[in-house]
N, C-alpha and C. Protein backbone atom coordinates (compact mmCIF):
# COMPACT_ATOMS: atom_id res chain seq x y z
N UNK A 1 0.85 -1.09 -0.09
CA UNK A 1 0.06 -0.21 -0.20
C UNK A 1 0.87 0.98 -0.12
N UNK A 2 0.20 2.34 -0.93
CA UNK A 2 1.42 3.36 -0.96
C UNK A 2 0.70 4.27 0.18
N UNK A 3 1.78 4.99 0.70
CA UNK A 3 1.71 6.12 1.52
C UNK A 3 1.64 7.47 0.90
N UNK A 4 0.78 8.05 1.25
CA UNK A 4 0.33 9.44 0.41
C UNK A 4 0.91 10.28 1.39
N UNK A 5 1.69 11.21 1.72
CA UNK A 5 2.15 12.30 2.61
C UNK A 5 1.05 13.62 1.93
N UNK A 6 -0.10 14.10 3.03
CA UNK A 6 -0.29 14.90 2.97
C UNK A 6 0.43 16.33 2.95
N UNK A 7 0.57 17.26 2.13
CA UNK A 7 1.24 18.53 2.54
C UNK A 7 0.27 19.80 2.44
N UNK A 8 0.29 20.30 4.23
CA UNK A 8 -0.60 21.48 4.18
C UNK A 8 -0.48 22.23 3.03
N UNK A 9 -0.98 23.34 2.77
CA UNK A 9 -0.81 24.60 1.54
C UNK A 9 -0.41 25.58 2.83
N UNK A 10 0.67 26.12 1.72
CA UNK A 10 0.99 27.29 3.06
C UNK A 10 -0.20 28.38 2.93
N UNK A 11 -0.18 28.50 4.40
CA UNK A 11 -1.17 30.07 4.92
C UNK A 11 -0.74 31.37 4.15
N UNK A 12 -1.43 31.65 3.40
CA UNK A 12 -1.51 33.03 2.87
C UNK A 12 -1.72 34.34 3.87
N UNK A 13 -0.89 34.69 4.18
CA UNK A 13 -1.18 36.37 4.97
C UNK A 13 -2.66 36.73 4.35
N UNK A 14 -4.01 37.43 5.06
CA UNK A 14 -4.91 37.75 4.34
C UNK A 14 -4.49 38.83 3.94
N UNK A 15 -4.82 39.22 2.79
CA UNK A 15 -4.66 41.07 2.35
C UNK A 15 -5.44 41.86 2.44
N UNK A 16 -4.56 42.92 2.44
CA UNK A 16 -5.00 43.96 2.98
C UNK A 16 -5.94 45.05 1.98
N UNK A 17 -6.63 45.91 2.37
CA UNK A 17 -7.05 46.57 0.98
C UNK A 17 -6.01 47.23 -0.14
N UNK A 18 -4.94 47.49 0.31
CA UNK A 18 -3.45 48.04 -0.46
C UNK A 18 -3.70 46.38 -1.23
N UNK A 19 -3.44 45.17 -0.89
CA UNK A 19 -2.90 44.43 -1.28
C UNK A 19 -4.07 43.76 -2.45
N UNK A 20 -5.32 44.09 -1.85
CA UNK A 20 -6.10 44.21 -3.22
C UNK A 20 -6.19 45.01 -4.38
N UNK A 21 -5.78 45.83 -3.70
CA UNK A 21 -5.74 47.10 -5.11
C UNK A 21 -4.64 46.76 -6.01
N UNK A 22 -3.63 46.53 -5.30
CA UNK A 22 -2.22 46.33 -6.06
C UNK A 22 -2.52 44.60 -6.62
N UNK A 23 -3.10 43.86 -6.59
CA UNK A 23 -3.29 42.37 -7.40
C UNK A 23 -4.64 43.30 -8.32
N UNK A 24 -4.86 43.93 -8.82
CA UNK A 24 -6.21 44.00 -9.31
C UNK A 24 -5.84 45.15 -10.53
N UNK A 25 -6.08 44.27 -12.24
CA UNK A 25 -5.23 45.17 -13.06
C UNK A 25 -6.24 46.55 -13.24
N UNK A 26 -7.21 46.61 -12.54
CA UNK A 26 -8.06 48.12 -13.13
C UNK A 26 -7.49 48.81 -12.11
N UNK A 27 -6.76 48.61 -11.57
CA UNK A 27 -6.52 49.80 -9.90
C UNK A 27 -4.54 50.45 -10.19
N UNK A 28 -4.39 50.27 -11.35
CA UNK A 28 -2.71 50.70 -11.32
C UNK A 28 -2.56 52.20 -11.29
N UNK A 29 -3.52 52.60 -11.72
CA UNK A 29 -3.26 54.43 -11.65
C UNK A 29 -3.49 54.93 -10.15
N UNK A 30 -4.38 53.94 -9.35
CA UNK A 30 -4.83 54.00 -8.12
C UNK A 30 -3.35 53.75 -7.01
N UNK A 31 -3.16 52.86 -7.99
CA UNK A 31 -1.66 52.13 -6.67
C UNK A 31 -0.93 53.10 -6.85
N UNK A 32 -0.39 53.69 -7.94
CA UNK A 32 0.72 54.60 -8.61
C UNK A 32 0.44 56.56 -7.42
N UNK A 33 -1.10 56.47 -7.34
CA UNK A 33 -1.40 57.57 -6.91
C UNK A 33 -1.39 57.68 -5.16
N UNK A 34 -1.53 56.52 -4.93
CA UNK A 34 -1.30 55.88 -3.51
C UNK A 34 -0.53 56.10 -2.70
N UNK A 35 0.51 55.14 -3.96
CA UNK A 35 2.22 55.38 -3.51
C UNK A 35 2.77 56.59 -3.35
N UNK A 36 2.24 57.63 -4.36
CA UNK A 36 2.74 58.81 -4.31
C UNK A 36 2.61 59.61 -3.15
N UNK A 37 0.95 59.54 -3.36
CA UNK A 37 1.18 60.12 -1.79
C UNK A 37 1.13 59.65 -0.40
N UNK A 38 1.85 58.60 -0.11
CA UNK A 38 2.83 58.11 0.44
C UNK A 38 1.11 57.53 1.71
N UNK A 39 0.34 57.06 0.98
CA UNK A 39 -0.15 56.52 1.90
C UNK A 39 -1.15 54.88 2.14
N UNK A 40 0.57 54.00 1.54
CA UNK A 40 0.60 52.85 1.44
C UNK A 40 0.64 52.28 2.96
N UNK A 41 1.58 52.71 3.64
CA UNK A 41 1.46 52.49 5.35
C UNK A 41 0.31 52.40 6.05
N UNK A 42 -0.30 53.66 5.41
CA UNK A 42 -1.66 53.81 6.63
C UNK A 42 -2.87 53.12 6.35
N UNK A 43 -3.19 52.76 4.80
CA UNK A 43 -3.71 51.70 4.37
C UNK A 43 -3.71 50.56 4.32
N UNK A 44 -2.33 49.86 4.62
CA UNK A 44 -1.98 48.82 5.33
C UNK A 44 -2.11 48.33 6.49
N UNK A 45 -2.84 49.74 7.27
CA UNK A 45 -2.64 49.55 8.93
C UNK A 45 -3.72 48.51 9.32
N UNK A 46 -4.28 48.51 10.69
CA UNK A 46 -4.77 47.97 11.14
C UNK A 46 -6.60 48.20 10.61
N UNK A 47 -6.89 49.71 10.23
CA UNK A 47 -7.83 50.07 10.07
C UNK A 47 -9.32 49.42 10.75
N UNK A 48 -10.40 49.46 10.84
CA UNK A 48 -10.62 48.98 8.97
C UNK A 48 -11.06 50.32 8.68
N UNK A 49 -10.77 49.91 7.15
CA UNK A 49 -11.48 51.01 6.38
C UNK A 49 -11.92 50.69 5.17
N UNK A 50 -12.93 51.06 4.60
CA UNK A 50 -13.56 51.33 3.34
C UNK A 50 -13.06 52.25 2.36
N UNK A 51 -12.99 51.45 1.05
CA UNK A 51 -12.34 52.20 0.26
C UNK A 51 -13.19 52.41 -0.95
N UNK A 52 -13.63 53.54 -1.96
CA UNK A 52 -14.13 53.36 -2.80
C UNK A 52 -13.32 53.59 -3.99
N UNK A 53 -12.97 52.75 -4.30
CA UNK A 53 -12.03 52.81 -5.31
C UNK A 53 -12.28 52.61 -6.94
N UNK A 54 -11.54 53.81 -7.47
CA UNK A 54 -11.67 53.99 -8.98
C UNK A 54 -10.52 53.44 -9.77
N UNK A 55 -11.52 53.46 -10.65
CA UNK A 55 -10.63 52.44 -11.68
C UNK A 55 -10.06 53.57 -12.56
N UNK A 56 -8.97 52.61 -13.56
CA UNK A 56 -8.04 53.06 -14.32
C UNK A 56 -8.87 54.06 -15.20
N UNK A 57 -9.96 53.67 -15.91
CA UNK A 57 -10.72 54.33 -16.48
C UNK A 57 -11.64 55.30 -16.00
N UNK A 58 -11.36 55.38 -14.60
CA UNK A 58 -12.50 56.20 -13.87
C UNK A 58 -11.36 57.66 -13.91
N UNK A 59 -9.57 57.18 -13.90
CA UNK A 59 -9.02 58.32 -13.81
C UNK A 59 -8.27 58.66 -15.04
N UNK A 60 -9.01 57.95 -15.81
CA UNK A 60 -8.20 58.75 -17.71
C UNK A 60 -9.43 59.28 -17.88
N UNK A 61 -10.42 59.33 -17.26
CA UNK A 61 -11.49 60.01 -17.57
C UNK A 61 -11.57 61.61 -17.14
N UNK A 62 -10.38 61.82 -16.32
CA UNK A 62 -10.57 63.08 -16.03
C UNK A 62 -9.55 64.01 -16.61
N UNK A 63 -9.51 64.88 -17.01
CA UNK A 63 -9.18 66.29 -17.74
C UNK A 63 -7.46 65.86 -18.19
N UNK A 64 -7.42 66.19 -19.64
CA UNK A 64 -5.92 65.66 -19.70
C UNK A 64 -5.09 66.38 -18.37
N UNK A 65 -3.28 65.52 -18.30
CA UNK A 65 -2.97 65.76 -17.57
C UNK A 65 -3.53 65.79 -16.31
N UNK A 66 -4.18 65.65 -15.24
CA UNK A 66 -4.56 65.88 -14.40
C UNK A 66 -3.99 64.95 -13.27
N UNK A 67 -3.58 63.43 -13.66
CA UNK A 67 -3.08 62.53 -13.04
C UNK A 67 -1.92 62.52 -12.98
N UNK A 68 -1.12 62.91 -14.41
CA UNK A 68 0.08 63.40 -13.56
C UNK A 68 0.39 64.25 -13.30
N UNK A 69 0.35 65.87 -12.72
CA UNK A 69 -0.22 66.90 -12.13
C UNK A 69 -0.28 66.03 -10.63
N UNK A 70 -1.22 65.14 -10.41
CA UNK A 70 -1.57 65.18 -9.62
C UNK A 70 -0.91 63.90 -8.34
N UNK A 71 0.62 63.33 -9.49
CA UNK A 71 1.41 62.60 -8.71
C UNK A 71 2.80 63.08 -8.45
N UNK A 72 2.85 64.64 -9.23
CA UNK A 72 4.12 65.42 -8.83
C UNK A 72 4.16 65.05 -7.21
N UNK A 73 5.50 65.52 -6.83
CA UNK A 73 6.16 65.42 -5.80
C UNK A 73 5.17 66.52 -5.17
N UNK A 74 5.05 67.87 -5.75
CA UNK A 74 4.81 69.02 -5.14
C UNK A 74 3.38 69.30 -5.11
N UNK A 75 2.48 68.07 -5.87
CA UNK A 75 0.94 68.26 -5.12
C UNK A 75 0.36 67.11 -4.62
N UNK A 76 1.85 66.77 -3.57
CA UNK A 76 1.32 65.73 -3.04
C UNK A 76 0.02 66.15 -1.69
N UNK A 77 -0.38 67.22 -1.58
CA UNK A 77 -1.09 67.65 -0.34
C UNK A 77 -2.74 67.89 -0.78
N UNK A 78 -2.45 67.99 -2.35
CA UNK A 78 -4.12 67.75 -3.21
C UNK A 78 -3.70 66.50 -3.72
N UNK A 79 -3.00 65.96 -3.50
CA UNK A 79 -3.52 64.32 -4.26
C UNK A 79 -4.02 63.63 -2.68
N UNK A 80 -3.14 63.55 -1.77
CA UNK A 80 -3.34 63.36 -0.52
C UNK A 80 -4.95 63.63 0.21
N UNK A 81 -5.49 64.86 -0.53
CA UNK A 81 -7.16 65.20 -0.13
C UNK A 81 -7.74 64.32 -0.39
N UNK A 82 -7.80 64.19 -1.98
CA UNK A 82 -8.71 63.67 -3.19
C UNK A 82 -8.41 62.26 -2.84
N UNK A 83 -7.32 61.86 -2.37
CA UNK A 83 -7.75 60.08 -2.73
C UNK A 83 -8.07 59.50 -0.46
N UNK A 84 -8.03 60.78 0.78
CA UNK A 84 -8.59 60.24 1.92
C UNK A 84 -10.49 60.88 1.80
N UNK A 85 -10.14 61.36 0.55
CA UNK A 85 -11.92 61.29 0.55
C UNK A 85 -12.72 59.95 -0.60
N UNK A 86 -11.61 58.72 -0.45
CA UNK A 86 -12.38 58.33 -0.96
C UNK A 86 -12.28 57.04 -0.06
N UNK A 87 -11.59 57.39 1.54
CA UNK A 87 -11.53 56.51 2.19
C UNK A 87 -12.75 56.85 3.08
N UNK A 88 -13.46 55.76 3.58
CA UNK A 88 -14.04 56.04 5.29
C UNK A 88 -13.45 54.85 6.22
N UNK A 89 -13.80 55.65 7.85
CA UNK A 89 -13.08 54.66 8.62
C UNK A 89 -14.12 53.54 8.82
N UNK A 90 -14.00 52.08 9.47
CA UNK A 90 -14.80 51.38 9.42
C UNK A 90 -14.76 50.47 8.23
N UNK A 91 -15.73 49.29 8.82
CA UNK A 91 -16.05 48.39 7.07
C UNK A 91 -17.82 48.59 7.42
N UNK A 92 -17.68 49.42 6.29
CA UNK A 92 -19.01 49.80 5.50
C UNK A 92 -19.36 48.81 4.21
N UNK A 93 -20.60 47.89 4.72
CA UNK A 93 -20.69 46.68 3.36
C UNK A 93 -21.76 47.77 2.86
N UNK A 94 -22.11 47.03 1.64
CA UNK A 94 -22.82 47.42 0.32
C UNK A 94 -24.41 47.65 1.02
N UNK A 95 -24.80 46.41 1.91
CA UNK A 95 -25.76 46.25 2.53
C UNK A 95 -26.07 47.30 3.72
N UNK A 96 -25.00 47.72 4.15
CA UNK A 96 -25.08 48.68 5.06
C UNK A 96 -25.25 50.56 4.69
N UNK A 97 -25.47 50.13 3.48
CA UNK A 97 -25.26 51.99 3.01
C UNK A 97 -27.13 51.78 2.43
N UNK A 98 -27.53 53.25 2.77
CA UNK A 98 -28.75 53.38 2.45
C UNK A 98 -28.61 54.82 1.79
N UNK A 99 -30.53 54.99 0.83
CA UNK A 99 -30.32 56.23 -0.32
C UNK A 99 -30.22 57.30 0.72
N UNK A 100 -29.42 58.29 0.05
CA UNK A 100 -29.49 59.60 1.00
C UNK A 100 -28.66 59.51 2.10
N UNK A 101 -27.74 58.50 2.38
CA UNK A 101 -26.95 58.56 3.48
C UNK A 101 -25.50 59.49 3.24
N UNK A 102 -25.07 60.32 4.01
CA UNK A 102 -23.88 60.73 4.40
C UNK A 102 -23.13 59.92 5.22
N UNK A 103 -21.81 59.56 4.44
CA UNK A 103 -20.69 59.14 4.95
C UNK A 103 -19.51 59.86 5.18
N UNK A 104 -18.64 60.43 6.41
CA UNK A 104 -17.73 61.06 6.56
C UNK A 104 -16.03 60.54 5.99
N UNK A 105 -15.69 60.96 5.31
CA UNK A 105 -14.23 60.26 4.75
C UNK A 105 -13.04 60.70 5.46
N UNK A 106 -11.99 60.42 5.29
CA UNK A 106 -10.82 60.13 6.39
C UNK A 106 -10.40 61.64 5.91
N UNK A 107 -11.03 62.76 4.64
CA UNK A 107 -10.65 64.02 4.83
C UNK A 107 -11.89 64.91 5.16
N UNK A 108 -12.16 64.49 6.15
CA UNK A 108 -13.55 65.30 6.74
C UNK A 108 -14.71 65.68 6.20
N UNK A 109 -14.26 65.56 4.39
CA UNK A 109 -15.83 65.78 4.12
C UNK A 109 -16.75 64.57 3.81
N UNK A 110 -17.80 64.82 3.47
CA UNK A 110 -18.66 63.94 3.18
C UNK A 110 -19.33 63.57 2.20
N UNK A 111 -19.61 61.94 1.55
CA UNK A 111 -19.99 61.61 0.74
C UNK A 111 -20.99 61.11 0.93
N UNK A 112 -22.29 61.51 -0.39
CA UNK A 112 -23.79 61.28 -0.68
C UNK A 112 -23.55 59.63 -1.47
N UNK A 113 -24.41 58.72 -0.68
CA UNK A 113 -25.25 57.53 -1.38
C UNK A 113 -26.31 57.61 -1.68
N UNK A 114 -26.08 57.37 -3.23
CA UNK A 114 -27.64 56.98 -3.27
C UNK A 114 -28.10 55.74 -3.82
N UNK A 115 -29.21 55.38 -3.63
CA UNK A 115 -29.52 53.85 -4.18
C UNK A 115 -30.95 54.05 -5.42
N UNK A 116 -30.95 53.50 -6.28
CA UNK A 116 -32.18 53.67 -7.33
C UNK A 116 -32.23 52.46 -8.27
N UNK A 117 -33.17 51.40 -7.92
CA UNK A 117 -33.31 50.45 -8.76
C UNK A 117 -32.11 49.35 -8.72
N UNK A 118 -31.69 49.51 -7.08
CA UNK A 118 -30.88 48.37 -7.35
C UNK A 118 -28.97 48.93 -7.33
N UNK A 119 -29.13 50.23 -8.36
CA UNK A 119 -27.86 50.70 -8.33
C UNK A 119 -27.39 51.42 -7.29
N UNK A 120 -26.19 51.43 -6.64
CA UNK A 120 -25.55 52.25 -5.73
C UNK A 120 -24.60 53.44 -6.31
N UNK A 121 -25.04 54.55 -5.96
CA UNK A 121 -23.88 55.47 -6.54
C UNK A 121 -23.35 56.17 -5.12
N UNK A 122 -22.14 56.71 -5.33
CA UNK A 122 -21.01 57.66 -4.39
C UNK A 122 -21.19 59.10 -4.82
N UNK A 123 -21.91 59.82 -4.26
CA UNK A 123 -21.61 60.98 -5.20
C UNK A 123 -21.70 60.71 -6.65
N UNK A 124 -22.46 60.24 -7.12
CA UNK A 124 -22.80 59.88 -8.88
C UNK A 124 -22.22 59.47 -9.26
N UNK A 125 -20.83 58.64 -8.82
CA UNK A 125 -19.68 57.48 -9.45
C UNK A 125 -20.34 55.93 -8.83
N UNK A 126 -20.85 55.44 -9.89
CA UNK A 126 -21.41 53.86 -9.65
C UNK A 126 -20.06 52.93 -9.25
N UNK A 127 -21.49 52.47 -7.80
CA UNK A 127 -20.62 50.97 -7.69
C UNK A 127 -20.35 50.36 -8.58
N UNK A 128 -19.06 49.71 -9.13
CA UNK A 128 -19.75 48.25 -10.08
C UNK A 128 -18.86 47.40 -9.56
N UNK A 129 -18.47 46.97 -8.37
CA UNK A 129 -17.93 46.01 -8.04
C UNK A 129 -18.09 46.51 -6.00
N UNK A 130 -18.73 45.85 -5.03
CA UNK A 130 -19.32 45.79 -4.02
C UNK A 130 -18.45 44.62 -2.78
N UNK A 131 -18.30 45.01 -2.14
CA UNK A 131 -17.83 44.30 -0.77
C UNK A 131 -16.86 43.17 -1.12
N UNK A 132 -15.42 44.14 -1.97
CA UNK A 132 -14.09 43.14 -1.58
C UNK A 132 -13.72 43.34 -0.37
N UNK A 133 -13.59 41.93 0.09
CA UNK A 133 -13.16 42.19 1.68
C UNK A 133 -11.84 42.07 1.69
N UNK A 134 -11.05 42.87 2.86
CA UNK A 134 -9.35 42.45 2.73
C UNK A 134 -9.52 42.22 4.04
N UNK A 135 -8.43 42.20 4.73
CA UNK A 135 -8.07 42.07 6.42
C UNK A 135 -7.88 43.20 7.18
N UNK A 136 -8.35 44.16 6.59
CA UNK A 136 -8.31 45.39 7.01
C UNK A 136 -9.34 46.51 6.89
N UNK A 137 -10.18 45.77 6.13
CA UNK A 137 -11.41 46.88 5.47
C UNK A 137 -11.97 46.12 4.51
N UNK A 138 -12.59 46.92 3.17
CA UNK A 138 -13.73 46.32 2.36
C UNK A 138 -13.29 47.65 1.24
N UNK A 139 -13.23 46.94 -0.06
CA UNK A 139 -13.40 47.80 -1.28
C UNK A 139 -14.97 48.09 -2.00
N UNK A 140 -14.84 49.24 -2.56
CA UNK A 140 -16.09 49.09 -3.65
C UNK A 140 -15.64 50.17 -4.59
N UNK A 141 -15.49 49.04 -5.97
CA UNK A 141 -14.91 49.87 -7.14
C UNK A 141 -16.18 50.50 -7.88
N UNK A 142 -15.52 51.85 -7.88
CA UNK A 142 -16.64 52.93 -8.71
C UNK A 142 -15.92 53.67 -9.90
N UNK A 143 -16.68 54.07 -10.53
CA UNK A 143 -16.42 54.32 -12.34
C UNK A 143 -16.37 55.53 -12.22
N UNK A 144 -15.73 56.06 -10.82
CA UNK A 144 -15.62 57.98 -11.22
C UNK A 144 -14.82 58.34 -10.15
N UNK A 145 -13.82 59.41 -10.28
CA UNK A 145 -13.17 59.72 -9.36
C UNK A 145 -13.58 60.73 -8.94
N UNK A 146 -13.76 60.40 -7.40
CA UNK A 146 -14.34 61.36 -6.12
C UNK A 146 -13.82 62.93 -6.01
N UNK A 147 -14.29 63.77 -6.13
CA UNK A 147 -13.62 65.34 -6.06
C UNK A 147 -13.89 65.86 -5.21
N UNK A 148 -13.19 66.28 -3.67
CA UNK A 148 -13.63 66.85 -2.75
C UNK A 148 -13.79 68.64 -3.30
N UNK A 149 -14.87 69.13 -2.50
CA UNK A 149 -14.60 70.14 -2.77
C UNK A 149 -14.34 71.50 -1.95
């Protein structure tokens, strides 16, 4: 009789919200921006964080040159303000959102949730994928860049 030795699969460390974004082919611009703003360490921390993550297409829809200017060292404060406007403290799952709800972002300003016919929007940007859960929070993919006032 042949003895089959079972080898336990290596246990992967739980992915943080940053790891999820880094692993996404649709979020290279977001990852570049988070890195330029120096927010990788913060968003890899214990959290929990809820991130409304714009896709590369959302960043590409901004006026020409916007992203290139934002990732320059002299634009770090403005970039940080925009990025922290996409982050809410706590685990906010899609089922927790209600129409007309206001959520306060890490930059101190509020986002407005609207829900109609099953479509969730954050300040007018549509949530295209919800509840991507990481070890320190959750990501909701949005099709627009949220700009603070």
